[in-house]
Amino acid sequence: MAKSPEREHPTKAFGWAARDPSGVLSPFKFSRRATGEKDVRFKVLYCGICHSDLHSIKNEWGFSTYPLVPGHEIVGIVTEVGSKVEKFKVGDKVGVGCMVGACHSCDNCANDLENYCPKMILTYGATYYDGTITYGGYSDDMVAEEHYIVRFPDNLPLDAGAPLLCAGITVYSPLQHFGFTKPGMHIGVVGLGGLGHVAVKFAKAFGVKVTVISTSPNKEEEAIEQLGADSFLVSRDPDQMLAAMGTMDGIIDTVSAVHPLLPLLGLLKSQGKLVMVGAPDRPLELPVFSLLMGRKIVAGSCIGGMKETQEMIDFAGKHNITAEVEVISMDYLNTAMERLENNDVRYRFVIDIGNTLKAS
């Protein structure tokens, strides 16, 4: 007979979980494994709220298991390390992002692309090596294999740095892989939300020209004055879109709602690349003719491997890149989820776990 979440492992843990597709989160007692010889355990201080968390608690992607403890932008302070851990010690500032395991024997793993491993293990709602379900960062305690732990630079604040573990690597990886980092390039960022605002910051740090493409004219001042974008395009304004046709080397599309690709492809120069990092829940139309006329590419990208995630955090520390966050208490969690569903956040909620998670 299967053990209850509270008795599954030796170390008691406490967090908030969704029990069913209503998505309502409430206090939840469970357990974490003992610290293995290659494990790092840390006290969770902050956890970002990603749009994936909202999809997952409501089972909108169809593979959620309950009870579900979300959270994959997890940061805190190391409290214990296993006997074979080499890179971390008690007291270090660390984080865990979207994954906690992979096969370590496939081509992807061999090339530091654990994020594309067919057996990649997600930080929450997945089956771990030992057959138990993984629980995320809306909790007081976290343990993961050293390979999946990210070291935080001392100058990077944990609260505003937490969202980089998902949002940051999601945009940093395609910027690097598709060569959108060469000074003088012109890059478009579609959507100015949790992903988009971080994409602007990383792209500007690489020294490229950045245009934000948005349906919301009221975001122009914020995009240019606060985030440092060079220009702003209202995608619903045909005159603006026409004037910008054929001017961009690449576009990072962060929008997770269904939207037309044809206008975006028109903005690209010949051999330009449109990279999708948002995940709409229905298929998009792909206008092939506009790909042929200019040898253009539509591609996708999903987070990044552990080596690249550490590089991204180090780069963020060097260039003082953080997310724009609204720090909330644990008891505000369900309200925050409602606001996130209505896009009412600038630009990422982060839960103050260390000060506000109280065991009932």
Protein backbone atom coordinates (compact mmCIF):
# COMPACT_ATOMS: atom_id res chain seq x y z
CA MET A 1 0.00 0.00 0.00
CA ALA A 2 1.33 3.45 -0.94
CA LYS A 3 2.43 5.63 1.93
CA SER A 4 0.85 9.04 2.51
CA PRO A 5 2.86 12.08 1.35
CA GLU A 6 3.58 12.82 5.02
CA ARG A 7 5.15 9.39 5.66
CA GLU A 8 6.77 8.72 2.30
CA HIS A 9 10.17 10.12 3.32
CA PRO A 10 11.96 10.66 6.66
CA THR A 11 12.16 14.48 6.66
CA LYS A 12 8.99 16.42 7.45
CA ALA A 13 8.08 19.27 5.11
CA PHE A 14 5.30 21.82 4.88
CA GLY A 15 3.94 23.84 2.01
CA TRP A 16 0.83 24.71 0.04
CA ALA A 17 -0.72 22.34 -2.51
CA ALA A 18 -3.58 22.15 -4.98
CA ARG A 19 -5.80 19.11 -4.38
CA ASP A 20 -7.83 19.15 -7.63
CA PRO A 21 -8.27 21.08 -10.92
CA SER A 22 -10.09 23.92 -9.14
CA GLY A 23 -6.52 25.08 -8.52
CA VAL A 24 -7.24 26.28 -4.99
CA LEU A 25 -4.05 26.06 -2.89
CA SER A 26 -4.05 25.32 0.84
CA PRO A 27 -1.62 24.19 3.58
CA PHE A 28 -0.16 20.72 3.06
CA LYS A 29 2.01 18.47 5.18
CA PHE A 30 4.34 16.13 3.28
CA SER A 31 7.92 14.84 3.46
CA ARG A 32 11.26 15.10 1.67
CA ARG A 33 13.93 12.43 1.28
CA ALA A 34 16.92 12.35 3.61
CA THR A 35 19.98 14.18 2.27
CA GLY A 36 21.81 11.69 0.02
CA GLU A 37 25.56 11.67 -0.51
CA LYS A 38 25.26 13.86 -3.64
CA ASP A 39 22.35 15.96 -2.36
CA VAL A 40 22.12 19.58 -1.28
CA ARG A 41 19.35 20.57 1.14
CA PHE A 42 18.29 24.16 1.61
CA LYS A 43 15.83 26.26 3.54
CA VAL A 44 13.51 27.89 1.01
CA LEU A 45 13.35 31.68 1.42
CA TYR A 46 11.57 32.74 -1.78
CA CYS A 47 9.77 31.09 -4.68
CA GLY A 48 8.63 32.80 -7.87
CA ILE A 49 5.19 32.14 -9.35
CA CYS A 50 5.46 31.08 -12.99
CA HIS A 51 2.57 30.92 -15.46
CA SER A 52 3.29 27.17 -15.65
CA ASP A 53 2.27 26.91 -12.00
CA LEU A 54 -1.15 28.32 -12.87
CA HIS A 55 -1.57 25.90 -15.82
CA SER A 56 -0.45 23.00 -13.61
CA ILE A 57 -2.69 23.57 -10.58
CA LYS A 58 -5.70 23.71 -12.94
CA ASN A 59 -4.48 20.72 -15.01
CA GLU A 60 -4.77 22.80 -18.19
CA TRP A 61 -2.04 20.76 -19.90
CA GLY A 62 -3.68 17.46 -18.93
CA PHE A 63 -0.85 15.76 -17.01
CA SER A 64 -1.12 17.17 -13.46
CA THR A 65 -1.21 14.81 -10.48
CA TYR A 66 -2.64 15.78 -7.10
CA PRO A 67 -1.81 16.79 -4.45
CA LEU A 68 0.44 19.19 -6.39
CA VAL A 69 2.98 21.52 -4.73
CA PRO A 70 4.04 23.96 -7.49
CA GLY A 71 7.09 26.19 -7.73
CA HIS A 72 10.24 25.96 -9.87
CA GLU A 73 11.89 29.32 -9.16
CA ILE A 74 13.17 28.28 -5.74
CA VAL A 75 15.90 30.05 -3.77
CA GLY A 76 17.31 29.82 -0.27
CA ILE A 77 20.26 29.01 1.99
CA VAL A 78 22.01 25.63 2.17
CA THR A 79 21.41 23.79 5.47
CA GLU A 80 23.02 20.40 4.74
CA VAL A 81 25.20 18.77 2.07
CA GLY A 82 25.91 15.11 1.32
CA SER A 83 29.34 13.56 1.84
CA LYS A 84 30.18 13.59 -1.90
CA VAL A 85 29.01 17.16 -2.63
CA GLU A 86 31.94 19.20 -3.97
CA LYS A 87 30.66 22.64 -5.00
CA PHE A 88 28.41 23.73 -2.13
CA LYS A 89 28.60 24.19 1.61
CA VAL A 90 26.23 25.12 4.43
CA GLY A 91 25.31 28.82 4.23
CA ASP A 92 25.60 29.18 0.43
CA LYS A 93 22.91 31.07 -1.53
CA VAL A 94 21.41 28.62 -4.01
CA GLY A 95 18.45 27.90 -6.23
CA VAL A 96 16.60 25.16 -8.09
CA GLY A 97 14.83 25.76 -11.38
CA CYS A 98 12.53 23.68 -13.57
CA MET A 99 14.20 20.27 -13.32
CA VAL A 100 15.73 17.96 -10.74
CA GLY A 101 16.76 14.93 -12.78
CA ALA A 102 17.62 13.40 -16.17
CA CYS A 103 19.07 10.14 -17.54
CA HIS A 104 22.68 11.40 -17.82
CA SER A 105 23.36 8.89 -20.61
CA CYS A 106 21.68 10.29 -23.76
CA ASP A 107 23.17 12.65 -26.35
CA ASN A 108 21.32 15.64 -24.89
CA CYS A 109 22.68 15.01 -21.40
CA ALA A 110 26.18 14.50 -22.81
CA ASN A 111 25.91 17.95 -24.44
CA ASP A 112 24.71 19.75 -21.27
CA LEU A 113 21.13 19.82 -22.57
CA GLU A 114 19.40 17.95 -19.74
CA ASN A 115 16.34 20.12 -20.48
CA TYR A 116 15.83 18.13 -23.72
CA CYS A 117 16.48 14.70 -22.17
CA PRO A 118 13.48 12.39 -22.84
CA LYS A 119 13.68 11.31 -19.19
CA MET A 120 14.06 14.80 -17.72
CA ILE A 121 12.40 15.01 -14.28
CA LEU A 122 10.44 18.17 -13.54
CA THR A 123 10.81 19.88 -10.17
CA TYR A 124 7.17 19.23 -9.32
CA GLY A 125 4.42 16.85 -10.40
CA ALA A 126 6.83 14.30 -11.90
CA THR A 127 8.00 10.83 -10.88
CA TYR A 128 11.47 10.84 -9.31
CA TYR A 129 14.09 8.06 -9.65
CA ASP A 130 12.73 6.37 -6.49
CA GLY A 131 9.15 6.29 -7.82
CA THR A 132 7.82 9.09 -5.60
CA ILE A 133 6.23 12.32 -6.83
CA THR A 134 8.32 15.51 -6.87
CA TYR A 135 7.09 18.53 -4.90
CA GLY A 136 8.06 22.11 -5.77
CA GLY A 137 9.09 25.26 -3.99
CA TYR A 138 5.88 26.49 -2.37
CA SER A 139 7.36 24.81 0.71
CA ASP A 140 9.79 25.31 3.58
CA ASP A 141 12.47 22.78 2.61
CA MET A 142 14.05 21.61 -0.67
CA VAL A 143 16.53 18.88 -1.51
CA ALA A 144 18.09 18.15 -4.92
CA GLU A 145 21.10 16.48 -6.43
CA GLU A 146 24.12 18.80 -6.56
CA HIS A 147 24.03 18.76 -10.38
CA TYR A 148 20.67 20.57 -10.34
CA ILE A 149 21.62 23.24 -7.80
CA VAL A 150 22.48 26.74 -9.04
CA ARG A 151 24.85 28.97 -7.08
CA PHE A 152 23.66 32.57 -6.64
CA PRO A 153 26.20 35.42 -6.82
CA ASP A 154 26.41 37.37 -3.56
CA ASN A 155 25.24 40.61 -5.19
CA LEU A 156 22.07 39.08 -6.71
CA PRO A 157 19.05 39.53 -4.40
CA LEU A 158 17.25 36.23 -3.82
CA ASP A 159 13.71 37.61 -4.16
CA ALA A 160 14.19 39.45 -7.47
CA GLY A 161 16.65 36.82 -8.69
CA ALA A 162 14.36 33.82 -8.15
CA PRO A 163 12.35 34.24 -11.41
CA LEU A 164 15.56 34.04 -13.44
CA LEU A 165 15.63 30.28 -12.72
CA CYS A 166 12.73 29.86 -15.16
CA ALA A 167 11.94 33.16 -16.92
CA GLY A 168 15.61 34.13 -17.14
CA ILE A 169 16.95 30.92 -18.65
CA THR A 170 13.91 30.64 -20.96
CA VAL A 171 14.97 33.82 -22.79
CA TYR A 172 18.75 33.72 -22.22
CA SER A 173 19.15 30.31 -23.89
CA PRO A 174 17.56 31.25 -27.27
CA LEU A 175 19.33 34.63 -27.29
CA GLN A 176 22.62 32.71 -27.04
CA HIS A 177 21.81 29.70 -29.21
CA PHE A 178 20.37 31.62 -32.15
CA GLY A 179 23.16 34.19 -32.12
CA PHE A 180 21.05 37.16 -31.00
CA THR A 181 23.92 38.56 -28.94
CA LYS A 182 26.08 40.31 -31.51
CA PRO A 183 26.27 44.10 -30.97
CA GLY A 184 24.50 45.98 -33.75
CA MET A 185 21.80 43.33 -34.17
CA HIS A 186 18.13 44.33 -33.97
CA ILE A 187 16.01 41.97 -31.87
CA GLY A 188 12.26 42.07 -31.28
CA VAL A 189 10.59 40.89 -28.05
CA VAL A 190 6.91 40.01 -28.36
CA GLY A 191 4.93 40.48 -25.13
CA LEU A 192 6.03 42.43 -22.08
CA GLY A 193 5.18 40.06 -19.25
CA GLY A 194 7.19 37.80 -16.95
CA LEU A 195 9.33 36.46 -19.80
CA GLY A 196 9.36 39.52 -22.05
CA HIS A 197 10.59 42.06 -19.52
CA VAL A 198 13.55 39.81 -18.63
CA ALA A 199 14.29 39.21 -22.33
CA VAL A 200 14.62 42.99 -22.83
CA LYS A 201 17.09 43.25 -19.95
CA PHE A 202 19.29 40.35 -21.15
CA ALA A 203 19.24 41.52 -24.78
CA LYS A 204 20.27 45.06 -23.78
CA ALA A 205 23.08 43.62 -21.61
CA PHE A 206 24.37 41.81 -24.72
CA GLY A 207 24.50 45.16 -26.50
CA VAL A 208 21.82 44.66 -29.15
CA LYS A 209 19.06 47.01 -30.28
CA VAL A 210 15.72 45.93 -28.78
CA THR A 211 12.18 46.66 -29.95
CA VAL A 212 9.25 45.58 -27.77
CA ILE A 213 6.21 44.39 -29.77
CA SER A 214 2.98 44.55 -27.78
CA THR A 215 -0.78 44.86 -28.17
CA SER A 216 -0.81 47.33 -25.24
CA PRO A 217 0.19 50.93 -26.13
CA ASN A 218 0.19 51.79 -22.40
CA LYS A 219 3.33 49.67 -21.88
CA GLU A 220 5.51 51.87 -24.11
CA GLU A 221 6.80 54.20 -21.42
CA GLU A 222 7.66 51.30 -19.12
CA ALA A 223 9.41 49.38 -21.93
CA ILE A 224 11.63 52.28 -22.91
CA GLU A 225 12.08 54.32 -19.71
CA GLN A 226 12.31 51.54 -17.13
CA LEU A 227 13.47 48.44 -19.00
CA GLY A 228 15.76 50.16 -21.52
CA ALA A 229 14.18 49.06 -24.81
CA ASP A 230 15.18 51.18 -27.82
CA SER A 231 11.75 51.30 -29.44
CA PHE A 232 8.18 50.07 -29.12
CA LEU A 233 5.75 48.70 -31.70
CA VAL A 234 2.00 48.41 -31.19
CA SER A 235 1.23 45.19 -33.06
CA ARG A 236 -2.37 46.24 -33.68
CA ASP A 237 -1.25 49.42 -35.48
CA PRO A 238 -0.87 48.50 -39.18
CA ASP A 239 1.06 51.69 -39.98
CA GLN A 240 3.67 51.04 -37.28
CA MET A 241 4.02 47.39 -38.33
CA LEU A 242 4.38 48.33 -42.00
CA ALA A 243 7.09 50.87 -41.22
CA ALA A 244 9.09 48.23 -39.30
CA MET A 245 8.87 45.46 -41.93
CA GLY A 246 12.15 43.76 -42.75
CA THR A 247 14.13 45.49 -39.99
CA MET A 248 14.78 42.74 -37.40
CA ASP A 249 17.43 40.02 -37.28
CA GLY A 250 15.51 37.94 -34.78
CA ILE A 251 12.41 37.89 -32.60
CA ILE A 252 11.80 36.23 -29.22
CA ASP A 253 8.05 35.56 -28.95
CA THR A 254 7.01 35.17 -25.30
CA VAL A 255 3.22 35.24 -25.78
CA SER A 256 1.33 32.17 -24.54
CA ALA A 257 -2.03 33.13 -26.08
CA VAL A 258 -3.01 32.22 -29.64
CA HIS A 259 -1.86 35.02 -31.98
CA PRO A 260 -1.02 35.48 -35.69
CA LEU A 261 2.56 34.83 -36.80
CA LEU A 262 2.34 36.44 -40.26
CA PRO A 263 2.80 40.05 -39.01
CA LEU A 264 5.83 38.97 -36.95
CA LEU A 265 7.46 37.14 -39.85
CA GLY A 266 7.03 40.33 -41.89
CA LEU A 267 9.20 42.23 -39.39
CA LEU A 268 12.17 39.91 -40.02
CA LYS A 269 14.99 40.54 -42.46
CA SER A 270 15.85 37.77 -44.90
CA GLN A 271 17.18 34.74 -42.98
CA GLY A 272 15.68 36.13 -39.78
CA LYS A 273 14.54 33.83 -36.99
CA LEU A 274 11.29 33.87 -35.00
CA VAL A 275 11.80 31.90 -31.77
CA MET A 276 8.78 30.80 -29.75
CA VAL A 277 9.18 30.51 -25.97
CA GLY A 278 5.53 30.97 -24.95
CA ALA A 279 3.26 27.91 -25.09
CA PRO A 280 -0.23 28.62 -26.50
CA ASP A 281 -2.74 25.88 -25.65
CA ARG A 282 -3.94 25.59 -29.27
CA PRO A 283 -1.97 25.27 -32.56
CA LEU A 284 -0.94 28.44 -34.35
CA GLU A 285 -1.26 28.97 -38.11
CA LEU A 286 2.08 28.82 -39.89
CA PRO A 287 2.10 30.91 -43.11
CA VAL A 288 4.68 28.94 -45.08
CA PHE A 289 4.88 31.28 -48.07
CA SER A 290 6.33 34.05 -45.90
CA LEU A 291 9.02 31.61 -44.71
CA LEU A 292 9.99 30.74 -48.28
CA MET A 293 10.31 34.36 -49.34
CA GLY A 294 13.37 35.24 -47.30
CA ARG A 295 14.53 31.84 -46.01
CA LYS A 296 13.10 32.61 -42.57
CA ILE A 297 12.99 30.23 -39.63
CA VAL A 298 10.37 29.59 -36.93
CA ALA A 299 11.92 27.77 -33.97
CA GLY A 300 11.22 26.92 -30.36
CA SER A 301 13.25 26.86 -27.15
CA CYS A 302 12.55 25.49 -23.66
CA ILE A 303 14.55 26.59 -20.58
CA GLY A 304 18.23 25.50 -20.71
CA GLY A 305 20.69 22.94 -19.39
CA MET A 306 22.30 23.24 -15.97
CA LYS A 307 25.65 24.53 -17.28
CA GLU A 308 23.91 27.29 -19.23
CA THR A 309 21.58 28.09 -16.31
CA GLN A 310 24.61 28.74 -14.09
CA GLU A 311 26.16 30.88 -16.85
CA MET A 312 22.91 32.87 -17.05
CA ILE A 313 22.81 33.51 -13.28
CA ASP A 314 26.49 34.55 -13.29
CA PHE A 315 25.83 36.89 -16.25
CA ALA A 316 22.82 38.35 -14.39
CA GLY A 317 25.01 38.95 -11.34
CA LYS A 318 27.68 40.66 -13.43
CA HIS A 319 25.15 42.93 -15.18
CA ASN A 320 22.78 43.41 -12.21
CA ILE A 321 19.85 41.82 -14.03
CA THR A 322 16.85 40.95 -11.88
CA ALA A 323 13.14 40.48 -12.51
CA GLU A 324 10.64 43.20 -11.60
CA VAL A 325 8.78 41.52 -8.75
CA GLU A 326 5.89 41.93 -6.36
CA VAL A 327 6.74 40.05 -3.17
CA ILE A 328 3.68 38.48 -1.51
CA SER A 329 2.87 36.54 1.63
CA MET A 330 1.82 32.88 1.51
CA ASP A 331 -1.77 33.62 2.52
CA TYR A 332 -2.12 35.91 -0.53
CA LEU A 333 -1.31 33.00 -2.86
CA ASN A 334 -4.79 32.26 -4.23
CA THR A 335 -5.45 35.95 -4.86
CA ALA A 336 -2.12 36.20 -6.68
CA MET A 337 -3.12 33.26 -8.91
CA GLU A 338 -6.37 35.04 -9.82
CA ARG A 339 -4.45 38.22 -10.62
CA LEU A 340 -1.91 36.24 -12.69
CA GLU A 341 -4.76 34.72 -14.70
CA ASN A 342 -5.92 38.27 -15.45
CA ASN A 343 -2.36 39.43 -16.31
CA ASP A 344 -2.51 41.80 -13.34
CA VAL A 345 1.13 41.66 -12.24
CA ARG A 346 4.26 43.72 -13.01
CA TYR A 347 5.92 41.36 -13.80
CA ARG A 348 6.41 38.41 -11.49
CA PHE A 349 4.95 37.41 -8.14
CA VAL A 350 7.47 36.04 -5.64
CA ILE A 351 6.34 34.37 -2.43
CA ASP A 352 8.20 35.32 0.76
CA ILE A 353 8.36 31.75 2.05
CA GLY A 354 10.94 32.38 4.78
CA ASN A 355 8.88 34.99 6.62
CA THR A 356 5.28 34.07 5.84
CA LEU A 357 4.90 30.28 5.49
CA LYS A 358 3.46 29.19 8.82
CA ALA A 359 2.87 25.54 9.69
CA SER A 360 -0.73 25.07 10.78
